[in-house]
Amino acid sequence: MILISFLGKGNYQEVIYFLPNDMKEFKTKFFVHALNEFYNPQKTIIFMTDEAARKYESEMRTFISFDKVKIMEGKNEEELWNIFETLAESIPTDDEIIIDVTHGFRSIPIVALSVITFLKILNNIKITKVLYGAFEAKDTYGGKAPIFDITNFLDLINWSYAIDEFIHFGNA
């Protein structure tokens, strides 16, 4: 299993992340650190800009082992397509993927979900989970940040294609 994550340049703060259904929790300022503890992936790939790398890469390496992939900031359409290509080239084929969209800058999680949807068919990857560490929801959960499993929303996209196929071609 491969864990795909993004590291931004935001001001990360320590919090207890927890999996509501699994009764697991882990205190860290980097959500991907908690995911490594919970899922023990064979490999972790973290996409980051140069600025995010300068700010946090060294500190992150004290907690987890990961492959760093440099991406652009996504400030225009050309950079977003470059990010799409970089992600597509970096995600292994024929593997199970957990994707963390927590710290992707603005539109990058949408680009990432587009890539994994594309690669699901092209490279035979299986998306096991799409996760979001909801730091901003911690006040609702007694100071702990819940982990939202948003995989079903990706499944909804697949269902939408199936419905379209049925409506237009009668192929159930």
N, C-alpha and C. Protein backbone atom coordinates (compact mmCIF):
# COMPACT_ATOMS: atom_id res chain seq x y z
N MET A 1 0.84 -1.17 0.00
CA MET A 1 0.00 0.00 0.00
C MET A 1 0.89 1.25 0.00
N ILE A 2 0.52 2.22 -0.83
CA ILE A 2 1.26 3.46 -0.97
C ILE A 2 0.41 4.60 -0.40
N LEU A 3 1.03 5.45 0.41
CA LEU A 3 0.37 6.63 0.94
C LEU A 3 0.85 7.84 0.15
N ILE A 4 -0.09 8.56 -0.42
CA ILE A 4 0.18 9.77 -1.19
C ILE A 4 -0.29 10.95 -0.34
N SER A 5 0.57 11.96 -0.18
CA SER A 5 0.20 13.12 0.62
C SER A 5 0.82 14.38 0.04
N PHE A 6 0.42 15.50 0.58
CA PHE A 6 0.91 16.81 0.16
C PHE A 6 1.37 17.57 1.39
N LEU A 7 2.43 18.33 1.22
CA LEU A 7 2.93 19.17 2.30
C LEU A 7 2.88 20.61 1.82
N GLY A 8 2.15 21.42 2.54
CA GLY A 8 2.06 22.83 2.20
C GLY A 8 2.99 23.66 3.06
N LYS A 9 2.84 24.95 2.95
CA LYS A 9 3.70 25.84 3.71
C LYS A 9 2.95 26.54 4.84
N GLY A 10 1.79 26.00 5.19
CA GLY A 10 0.96 26.58 6.25
C GLY A 10 1.61 26.46 7.62
N ASN A 11 0.94 26.97 8.61
CA ASN A 11 1.42 26.95 9.99
C ASN A 11 0.82 25.73 10.70
N TYR A 12 1.52 24.61 10.65
CA TYR A 12 1.02 23.39 11.25
C TYR A 12 1.11 23.45 12.77
N GLN A 13 0.07 22.94 13.41
CA GLN A 13 0.02 22.91 14.87
C GLN A 13 -0.27 21.50 15.34
N GLU A 14 0.31 21.16 16.47
CA GLU A 14 0.12 19.83 17.02
C GLU A 14 -1.33 19.64 17.48
N VAL A 15 -1.87 18.47 17.19
CA VAL A 15 -3.23 18.11 17.58
C VAL A 15 -3.32 16.59 17.62
N ILE A 16 -4.30 16.08 18.30
CA ILE A 16 -4.55 14.64 18.28
C ILE A 16 -5.51 14.36 17.13
N TYR A 17 -5.04 13.60 16.14
CA TYR A 17 -5.90 13.14 15.04
C TYR A 17 -6.48 11.80 15.45
N PHE A 18 -7.75 11.59 15.12
CA PHE A 18 -8.35 10.31 15.48
C PHE A 18 -9.24 9.77 14.38
N LEU A 19 -9.25 8.44 14.31
CA LEU A 19 -10.14 7.71 13.40
C LEU A 19 -11.39 7.36 14.17
N PRO A 20 -12.52 8.01 13.88
CA PRO A 20 -13.74 7.83 14.67
C PRO A 20 -14.21 6.38 14.81
N ASN A 21 -14.10 5.59 13.76
CA ASN A 21 -14.62 4.23 13.81
C ASN A 21 -13.61 3.21 14.34
N ASP A 22 -12.34 3.54 14.32
CA ASP A 22 -11.31 2.58 14.71
C ASP A 22 -10.75 2.80 16.12
N MET A 23 -11.18 3.88 16.76
CA MET A 23 -10.72 4.21 18.11
C MET A 23 -9.20 4.38 18.17
N LYS A 24 -8.60 4.82 17.09
CA LYS A 24 -7.17 5.10 17.06
C LYS A 24 -6.97 6.60 17.12
N GLU A 25 -5.90 7.02 17.80
CA GLU A 25 -5.56 8.43 17.81
C GLU A 25 -4.05 8.60 17.90
N PHE A 26 -3.57 9.75 17.40
CA PHE A 26 -2.14 10.01 17.39
C PHE A 26 -1.91 11.51 17.40
N LYS A 27 -1.00 11.95 18.27
CA LYS A 27 -0.72 13.38 18.42
C LYS A 27 0.48 13.77 17.56
N THR A 28 0.28 14.74 16.67
CA THR A 28 1.33 15.22 15.78
C THR A 28 0.89 16.52 15.14
N LYS A 29 1.83 17.24 14.56
CA LYS A 29 1.43 18.43 13.82
C LYS A 29 1.34 18.15 12.32
N PHE A 30 1.83 16.98 11.90
CA PHE A 30 1.78 16.59 10.50
C PHE A 30 0.80 15.43 10.32
N PHE A 31 -0.29 15.68 9.65
CA PHE A 31 -1.32 14.66 9.48
C PHE A 31 -0.76 13.39 8.84
N VAL A 32 0.12 13.53 7.86
CA VAL A 32 0.69 12.36 7.21
C VAL A 32 1.45 11.49 8.21
N HIS A 33 1.98 12.07 9.26
CA HIS A 33 2.65 11.31 10.31
C HIS A 33 1.65 10.38 11.01
N ALA A 34 0.46 10.92 11.31
CA ALA A 34 -0.59 10.10 11.93
C ALA A 34 -1.02 8.97 10.99
N LEU A 35 -1.16 9.28 9.71
CA LEU A 35 -1.57 8.25 8.75
C LEU A 35 -0.54 7.14 8.65
N ASN A 36 0.74 7.49 8.73
CA ASN A 36 1.79 6.46 8.73
C ASN A 36 1.65 5.55 9.94
N GLU A 37 1.30 6.11 11.08
CA GLU A 37 1.12 5.31 12.29
C GLU A 37 -0.12 4.41 12.18
N PHE A 38 -1.20 4.93 11.61
CA PHE A 38 -2.45 4.18 11.53
C PHE A 38 -2.42 3.09 10.46
N TYR A 39 -1.81 3.37 9.30
CA TYR A 39 -1.91 2.45 8.16
C TYR A 39 -0.61 1.74 7.80
N ASN A 40 0.52 2.17 8.34
CA ASN A 40 1.81 1.53 8.09
C ASN A 40 2.02 1.20 6.60
N PRO A 41 2.03 2.22 5.75
CA PRO A 41 2.18 1.96 4.31
C PRO A 41 3.58 1.44 3.97
N GLN A 42 3.67 0.72 2.87
CA GLN A 42 4.97 0.24 2.40
C GLN A 42 5.83 1.41 1.94
N LYS A 43 5.17 2.44 1.43
CA LYS A 43 5.87 3.58 0.89
C LYS A 43 5.00 4.82 1.07
N THR A 44 5.63 5.94 1.37
CA THR A 44 4.93 7.22 1.46
C THR A 44 5.56 8.18 0.46
N ILE A 45 4.72 8.80 -0.34
CA ILE A 45 5.18 9.80 -1.30
C ILE A 45 4.54 11.12 -0.91
N ILE A 46 5.38 12.13 -0.70
CA ILE A 46 4.86 13.44 -0.33
C ILE A 46 5.24 14.45 -1.41
N PHE A 47 4.21 15.09 -1.95
CA PHE A 47 4.39 16.12 -2.97
C PHE A 47 4.49 17.47 -2.27
N MET A 48 5.48 18.27 -2.67
CA MET A 48 5.68 19.55 -2.00
C MET A 48 6.37 20.54 -2.93
N THR A 49 6.11 21.80 -2.69
CA THR A 49 6.80 22.87 -3.42
C THR A 49 8.18 23.08 -2.79
N ASP A 50 9.01 23.84 -3.46
CA ASP A 50 10.33 24.16 -2.90
C ASP A 50 10.19 24.87 -1.56
N GLU A 51 9.23 25.80 -1.49
CA GLU A 51 9.06 26.56 -0.25
C GLU A 51 8.60 25.66 0.91
N ALA A 52 7.69 24.75 0.65
CA ALA A 52 7.23 23.82 1.69
C ALA A 52 8.39 22.92 2.12
N ALA A 53 9.21 22.50 1.16
CA ALA A 53 10.36 21.66 1.49
C ALA A 53 11.34 22.40 2.39
N ARG A 54 11.64 23.66 2.05
CA ARG A 54 12.55 24.44 2.88
C ARG A 54 12.01 24.60 4.30
N LYS A 55 10.71 24.75 4.42
CA LYS A 55 10.09 25.03 5.72
C LYS A 55 9.97 23.78 6.58
N TYR A 56 9.60 22.62 5.98
CA TYR A 56 9.23 21.47 6.80
C TYR A 56 9.90 20.13 6.49
N GLU A 57 10.58 20.00 5.35
CA GLU A 57 11.09 18.68 4.98
C GLU A 57 12.00 18.07 6.04
N SER A 58 12.96 18.82 6.52
CA SER A 58 13.90 18.28 7.52
C SER A 58 13.17 17.79 8.77
N GLU A 59 12.24 18.59 9.25
CA GLU A 59 11.48 18.20 10.44
C GLU A 59 10.66 16.94 10.18
N MET A 60 10.03 16.88 9.00
CA MET A 60 9.21 15.70 8.66
C MET A 60 10.05 14.43 8.63
N ARG A 61 11.27 14.55 8.14
CA ARG A 61 12.14 13.37 8.03
C ARG A 61 12.55 12.82 9.39
N THR A 62 12.39 13.59 10.45
CA THR A 62 12.68 13.06 11.79
C THR A 62 11.56 12.14 12.27
N PHE A 63 10.38 12.24 11.65
CA PHE A 63 9.22 11.43 12.06
C PHE A 63 8.97 10.24 11.14
N ILE A 64 9.08 10.47 9.83
CA ILE A 64 8.73 9.41 8.88
C ILE A 64 9.72 9.38 7.71
N SER A 65 9.77 8.24 7.07
CA SER A 65 10.56 8.08 5.85
C SER A 65 9.61 8.28 4.67
N PHE A 66 10.05 9.04 3.67
CA PHE A 66 9.18 9.29 2.52
C PHE A 66 9.99 9.65 1.30
N ASP A 67 9.36 9.47 0.14
CA ASP A 67 9.92 9.94 -1.12
C ASP A 67 9.34 11.33 -1.37
N LYS A 68 10.21 12.28 -1.61
CA LYS A 68 9.77 13.65 -1.90
C LYS A 68 9.65 13.82 -3.40
N VAL A 69 8.53 14.45 -3.82
CA VAL A 69 8.36 14.80 -5.22
C VAL A 69 8.05 16.29 -5.27
N LYS A 70 8.88 17.01 -5.98
CA LYS A 70 8.72 18.46 -6.11
C LYS A 70 7.58 18.78 -7.08
N ILE A 71 6.72 19.69 -6.67
CA ILE A 71 5.66 20.17 -7.56
C ILE A 71 5.69 21.70 -7.59
N MET A 72 5.07 22.23 -8.62
CA MET A 72 4.93 23.68 -8.73
C MET A 72 3.83 24.13 -7.77
N GLU A 73 3.65 25.43 -7.64
CA GLU A 73 2.67 25.95 -6.70
C GLU A 73 1.23 25.91 -7.20
N GLY A 74 1.03 25.79 -8.48
CA GLY A 74 -0.33 25.73 -9.01
C GLY A 74 -0.98 27.10 -9.13
N LYS A 75 -0.18 28.09 -9.51
CA LYS A 75 -0.68 29.46 -9.57
C LYS A 75 -1.34 29.81 -10.91
N ASN A 76 -1.24 28.90 -11.87
CA ASN A 76 -1.91 29.13 -13.16
C ASN A 76 -2.21 27.78 -13.79
N GLU A 77 -2.92 27.80 -14.89
CA GLU A 77 -3.34 26.55 -15.52
C GLU A 77 -2.15 25.71 -15.99
N GLU A 78 -1.13 26.35 -16.49
CA GLU A 78 0.06 25.62 -16.94
C GLU A 78 0.71 24.86 -15.77
N GLU A 79 0.82 25.51 -14.62
CA GLU A 79 1.39 24.86 -13.45
C GLU A 79 0.49 23.72 -12.96
N LEU A 80 -0.82 23.89 -13.05
CA LEU A 80 -1.74 22.83 -12.64
C LEU A 80 -1.58 21.60 -13.54
N TRP A 81 -1.41 21.80 -14.85
CA TRP A 81 -1.17 20.67 -15.75
C TRP A 81 0.17 20.03 -15.47
N ASN A 82 1.15 20.83 -15.10
CA ASN A 82 2.45 20.29 -14.72
C ASN A 82 2.32 19.41 -13.47
N ILE A 83 1.53 19.86 -12.51
CA ILE A 83 1.28 19.07 -11.30
C ILE A 83 0.58 17.77 -11.66
N PHE A 84 -0.40 17.84 -12.55
CA PHE A 84 -1.11 16.63 -13.00
C PHE A 84 -0.10 15.63 -13.56
N GLU A 85 0.76 16.08 -14.46
CA GLU A 85 1.75 15.20 -15.08
C GLU A 85 2.73 14.63 -14.04
N THR A 86 3.18 15.47 -13.13
CA THR A 86 4.12 15.02 -12.08
C THR A 86 3.48 13.95 -11.21
N LEU A 87 2.24 14.17 -10.80
CA LEU A 87 1.55 13.17 -9.99
C LEU A 87 1.37 11.88 -10.77
N ALA A 88 0.93 11.99 -12.02
CA ALA A 88 0.68 10.80 -12.84
C ALA A 88 1.95 9.97 -13.03
N GLU A 89 3.08 10.64 -13.19
CA GLU A 89 4.35 9.94 -13.38
C GLU A 89 4.88 9.34 -12.08
N SER A 90 4.45 9.86 -10.93
CA SER A 90 5.02 9.46 -9.64
C SER A 90 4.24 8.37 -8.91
N ILE A 91 3.00 8.15 -9.30
CA ILE A 91 2.16 7.18 -8.61
C ILE A 91 2.36 5.81 -9.25
N PRO A 92 2.80 4.83 -8.47
CA PRO A 92 3.10 3.50 -9.01
C PRO A 92 1.86 2.81 -9.61
N THR A 93 2.12 1.94 -10.57
CA THR A 93 1.04 1.16 -11.18
C THR A 93 0.76 -0.08 -10.35
N ASP A 94 -0.43 -0.64 -10.56
CA ASP A 94 -0.82 -1.91 -9.94
C ASP A 94 -0.64 -1.92 -8.43
N ASP A 95 -1.05 -0.88 -7.75
CA ASP A 95 -0.87 -0.81 -6.31
C ASP A 95 -2.11 -0.24 -5.65
N GLU A 96 -2.20 -0.45 -4.33
CA GLU A 96 -3.27 0.16 -3.54
C GLU A 96 -2.78 1.51 -3.04
N ILE A 97 -3.67 2.49 -3.11
CA ILE A 97 -3.30 3.86 -2.78
C ILE A 97 -4.23 4.41 -1.69
N ILE A 98 -3.61 5.05 -0.70
CA ILE A 98 -4.35 5.91 0.23
C ILE A 98 -3.90 7.32 -0.11
N ILE A 99 -4.85 8.21 -0.30
CA ILE A 99 -4.48 9.58 -0.62
C ILE A 99 -4.99 10.53 0.45
N ASP A 100 -4.09 11.37 0.90
CA ASP A 100 -4.38 12.39 1.90
C ASP A 100 -4.44 13.73 1.19
N VAL A 101 -5.60 14.36 1.21
CA VAL A 101 -5.78 15.66 0.53
C VAL A 101 -5.79 16.83 1.50
N THR A 102 -5.39 16.60 2.73
CA THR A 102 -5.49 17.61 3.79
C THR A 102 -4.72 18.89 3.48
N HIS A 103 -3.46 18.78 3.11
CA HIS A 103 -2.63 19.97 2.99
C HIS A 103 -2.30 20.35 1.56
N GLY A 104 -3.10 19.86 0.62
CA GLY A 104 -2.91 20.30 -0.75
C GLY A 104 -3.40 21.73 -0.90
N PHE A 105 -2.63 22.57 -1.54
CA PHE A 105 -2.95 23.98 -1.70
C PHE A 105 -4.13 24.16 -2.64
N ARG A 106 -5.18 24.75 -2.16
CA ARG A 106 -6.39 25.14 -2.89
C ARG A 106 -6.85 24.12 -3.92
N SER A 107 -6.48 24.28 -5.18
CA SER A 107 -7.00 23.41 -6.24
C SER A 107 -6.24 22.10 -6.39
N ILE A 108 -5.14 21.95 -5.69
CA ILE A 108 -4.32 20.74 -5.86
C ILE A 108 -5.07 19.46 -5.48
N PRO A 109 -5.90 19.43 -4.42
CA PRO A 109 -6.65 18.20 -4.16
C PRO A 109 -7.58 17.80 -5.31
N ILE A 110 -8.13 18.78 -6.01
CA ILE A 110 -8.99 18.46 -7.16
C ILE A 110 -8.14 17.86 -8.28
N VAL A 111 -6.98 18.43 -8.52
CA VAL A 111 -6.06 17.88 -9.52
C VAL A 111 -5.66 16.46 -9.11
N ALA A 112 -5.35 16.27 -7.84
CA ALA A 112 -4.94 14.95 -7.36
C ALA A 112 -6.04 13.91 -7.55
N LEU A 113 -7.27 14.28 -7.23
CA LEU A 113 -8.38 13.35 -7.41
C LEU A 113 -8.61 13.04 -8.88
N SER A 114 -8.39 14.03 -9.74
CA SER A 114 -8.49 13.79 -11.19
C SER A 114 -7.43 12.79 -11.63
N VAL A 115 -6.22 12.96 -11.13
CA VAL A 115 -5.12 12.05 -11.49
C VAL A 115 -5.43 10.63 -11.05
N ILE A 116 -5.85 10.46 -9.80
CA ILE A 116 -6.07 9.08 -9.34
C ILE A 116 -7.28 8.44 -10.01
N THR A 117 -8.27 9.25 -10.38
CA THR A 117 -9.41 8.72 -11.14
C THR A 117 -8.93 8.25 -12.50
N PHE A 118 -8.08 9.03 -13.13
CA PHE A 118 -7.49 8.70 -14.43
C PHE A 118 -6.62 7.45 -14.32
N LEU A 119 -5.76 7.41 -13.30
CA LEU A 119 -4.83 6.30 -13.15
C LEU A 119 -5.51 5.00 -12.68
N LYS A 120 -6.66 5.15 -12.08
CA LYS A 120 -7.40 3.96 -11.63
C LYS A 120 -7.63 3.02 -12.80
N ILE A 121 -7.94 3.57 -13.94
CA ILE A 121 -8.19 2.77 -15.13
C ILE A 121 -6.90 2.52 -15.91
N LEU A 122 -6.13 3.59 -16.12
CA LEU A 122 -4.93 3.49 -16.94
C LEU A 122 -3.84 2.62 -16.33
N ASN A 123 -3.60 2.75 -15.02
CA ASN A 123 -2.49 2.06 -14.36
C ASN A 123 -2.93 1.01 -13.35
N ASN A 124 -4.20 0.68 -13.36
CA ASN A 124 -4.72 -0.39 -12.51
C ASN A 124 -4.41 -0.17 -11.03
N ILE A 125 -4.61 1.06 -10.55
CA ILE A 125 -4.43 1.31 -9.13
C ILE A 125 -5.77 1.16 -8.43
N LYS A 126 -5.70 0.81 -7.17
CA LYS A 126 -6.91 0.70 -6.35
C LYS A 126 -6.83 1.79 -5.28
N ILE A 127 -7.83 2.66 -5.27
CA ILE A 127 -7.88 3.71 -4.26
C ILE A 127 -8.55 3.13 -3.03
N THR A 128 -7.77 2.86 -2.01
CA THR A 128 -8.27 2.27 -0.78
C THR A 128 -9.01 3.30 0.07
N LYS A 129 -8.41 4.48 0.19
CA LYS A 129 -9.00 5.54 1.01
C LYS A 129 -8.61 6.90 0.45
N VAL A 130 -9.52 7.84 0.60
CA VAL A 130 -9.24 9.25 0.40
C VAL A 130 -9.57 9.90 1.74
N LEU A 131 -8.55 10.52 2.36
CA LEU A 131 -8.70 10.99 3.74
C LEU A 131 -8.42 12.48 3.87
N TYR A 132 -9.09 13.07 4.86
CA TYR A 132 -8.90 14.48 5.18
C TYR A 132 -8.80 14.62 6.69
N GLY A 133 -7.71 15.20 7.17
CA GLY A 133 -7.53 15.46 8.59
C GLY A 133 -8.14 16.82 8.93
N ALA A 134 -9.28 16.79 9.61
CA ALA A 134 -10.09 18.00 9.83
C ALA A 134 -9.64 18.77 11.07
N PHE A 135 -8.47 19.39 10.98
CA PHE A 135 -7.93 20.17 12.09
C PHE A 135 -8.93 21.22 12.56
N GLU A 136 -9.58 21.88 11.60
CA GLU A 136 -10.50 22.97 11.93
C GLU A 136 -11.77 22.49 12.64
N ALA A 137 -12.02 21.20 12.68
CA ALA A 137 -13.20 20.64 13.35
C ALA A 137 -12.89 20.22 14.79
N LYS A 138 -11.68 20.46 15.24
CA LYS A 138 -11.26 19.96 16.56
C LYS A 138 -12.10 20.50 17.71
N ASP A 139 -12.59 21.71 17.61
CA ASP A 139 -13.41 22.28 18.69
C ASP A 139 -14.72 21.54 18.86
N THR A 140 -15.22 20.97 17.78
CA THR A 140 -16.45 20.19 17.83
C THR A 140 -16.22 18.82 18.48
N TYR A 141 -14.97 18.36 18.46
CA TYR A 141 -14.64 17.02 18.95
C TYR A 141 -13.73 17.05 20.17
N GLY A 142 -13.95 17.98 21.05
CA GLY A 142 -13.20 18.03 22.31
C GLY A 142 -11.71 18.29 22.15
N GLY A 143 -11.34 19.07 21.15
CA GLY A 143 -9.94 19.40 20.94
C GLY A 143 -9.17 18.40 20.09
N LYS A 144 -9.83 17.34 19.65
CA LYS A 144 -9.20 16.34 18.79
C LYS A 144 -9.71 16.53 17.36
N ALA A 145 -8.82 16.32 16.39
CA ALA A 145 -9.17 16.49 14.98
C ALA A 145 -9.62 15.17 14.37
N PRO A 146 -10.85 15.09 13.90
CA PRO A 146 -11.32 13.85 13.29
C PRO A 146 -10.72 13.66 11.90
N ILE A 147 -10.64 12.42 11.50
CA ILE A 147 -10.20 12.09 10.15
C ILE A 147 -11.45 11.72 9.37
N PHE A 148 -11.71 12.50 8.33
CA PHE A 148 -12.87 12.24 7.48
C PHE A 148 -12.46 11.33 6.33
N ASP A 149 -13.16 10.21 6.20
CA ASP A 149 -12.96 9.30 5.08
C ASP A 149 -13.91 9.76 3.97
N ILE A 150 -13.34 10.38 2.94
CA ILE A 150 -14.17 10.93 1.86
C ILE A 150 -14.12 10.06 0.60
N THR A 151 -13.73 8.80 0.78
CA THR A 151 -13.63 7.87 -0.33
C THR A 151 -14.96 7.73 -1.06
N ASN A 152 -16.06 7.77 -0.34
CA ASN A 152 -17.37 7.59 -0.97
C ASN A 152 -17.67 8.67 -2.00
N PHE A 153 -17.07 9.85 -1.84
CA PHE A 153 -17.30 10.89 -2.84
C PHE A 153 -16.62 10.54 -4.15
N LEU A 154 -15.47 9.85 -4.08
CA LEU A 154 -14.82 9.36 -5.28
C LEU A 154 -15.66 8.25 -5.90
N ASP A 155 -16.23 7.40 -5.05
CA ASP A 155 -17.12 6.35 -5.55
C ASP A 155 -18.33 6.96 -6.26
N LEU A 156 -18.81 8.10 -5.77
CA LEU A 156 -19.94 8.78 -6.39
C LEU A 156 -19.61 9.20 -7.82
N ILE A 157 -18.37 9.62 -8.05
CA ILE A 157 -17.95 9.96 -9.41
C ILE A 157 -18.04 8.72 -10.30
N ASN A 158 -17.58 7.58 -9.81
CA ASN A 158 -17.65 6.34 -10.58
C ASN A 158 -19.11 5.96 -10.86
N TRP A 159 -19.98 6.12 -9.87
CA TRP A 159 -21.40 5.84 -10.08
C TRP A 159 -21.98 6.78 -11.13
N SER A 160 -21.55 8.01 -11.14
CA SER A 160 -22.04 8.98 -12.13
C SER A 160 -21.71 8.52 -13.54
N TYR A 161 -20.48 8.01 -13.74
CA TYR A 161 -20.10 7.48 -15.06
C TYR A 161 -20.95 6.27 -15.42
N ALA A 162 -21.23 5.42 -14.44
CA ALA A 162 -22.05 4.24 -14.70
C ALA A 162 -23.47 4.63 -15.08
N ILE A 163 -24.02 5.61 -14.41
CA ILE A 163 -25.37 6.07 -14.73
C ILE A 163 -25.40 6.67 -16.13
N ASP A 164 -24.39 7.46 -16.46
CA ASP A 164 -24.30 8.05 -17.81
C ASP A 164 -24.24 6.95 -18.87
N GLU A 165 -23.44 5.94 -18.61
CA GLU A 165 -23.32 4.80 -19.54
C GLU A 165 -24.68 4.10 -19.73
N PHE A 166 -25.41 3.93 -18.64
CA PHE A 166 -26.71 3.28 -18.70
C PHE A 166 -27.73 4.16 -19.46
N ILE A 167 -27.76 5.45 -19.15
CA ILE A 167 -28.73 6.34 -19.80
C ILE A 167 -28.48 6.44 -21.30
N HIS A 168 -27.21 6.59 -21.68
CA HIS A 168 -26.91 6.82 -23.10
C HIS A 168 -26.78 5.56 -23.93
N PHE A 169 -26.39 4.45 -23.31
CA PHE A 169 -26.14 3.24 -24.10
C PHE A 169 -26.91 2.01 -23.63
N GLY A 170 -27.64 2.13 -22.52
CA GLY A 170 -28.40 1.01 -21.99
C GLY A 170 -27.52 -0.08 -21.43
N ASN A 171 -26.27 0.23 -21.17
CA ASN A 171 -25.31 -0.75 -20.67
C ASN A 171 -25.33 -0.69 -19.13
N ALA A 172 -25.93 -1.70 -18.52
CA ALA A 172 -26.02 -1.74 -17.05
C ALA A 172 -24.83 -2.44 -16.48
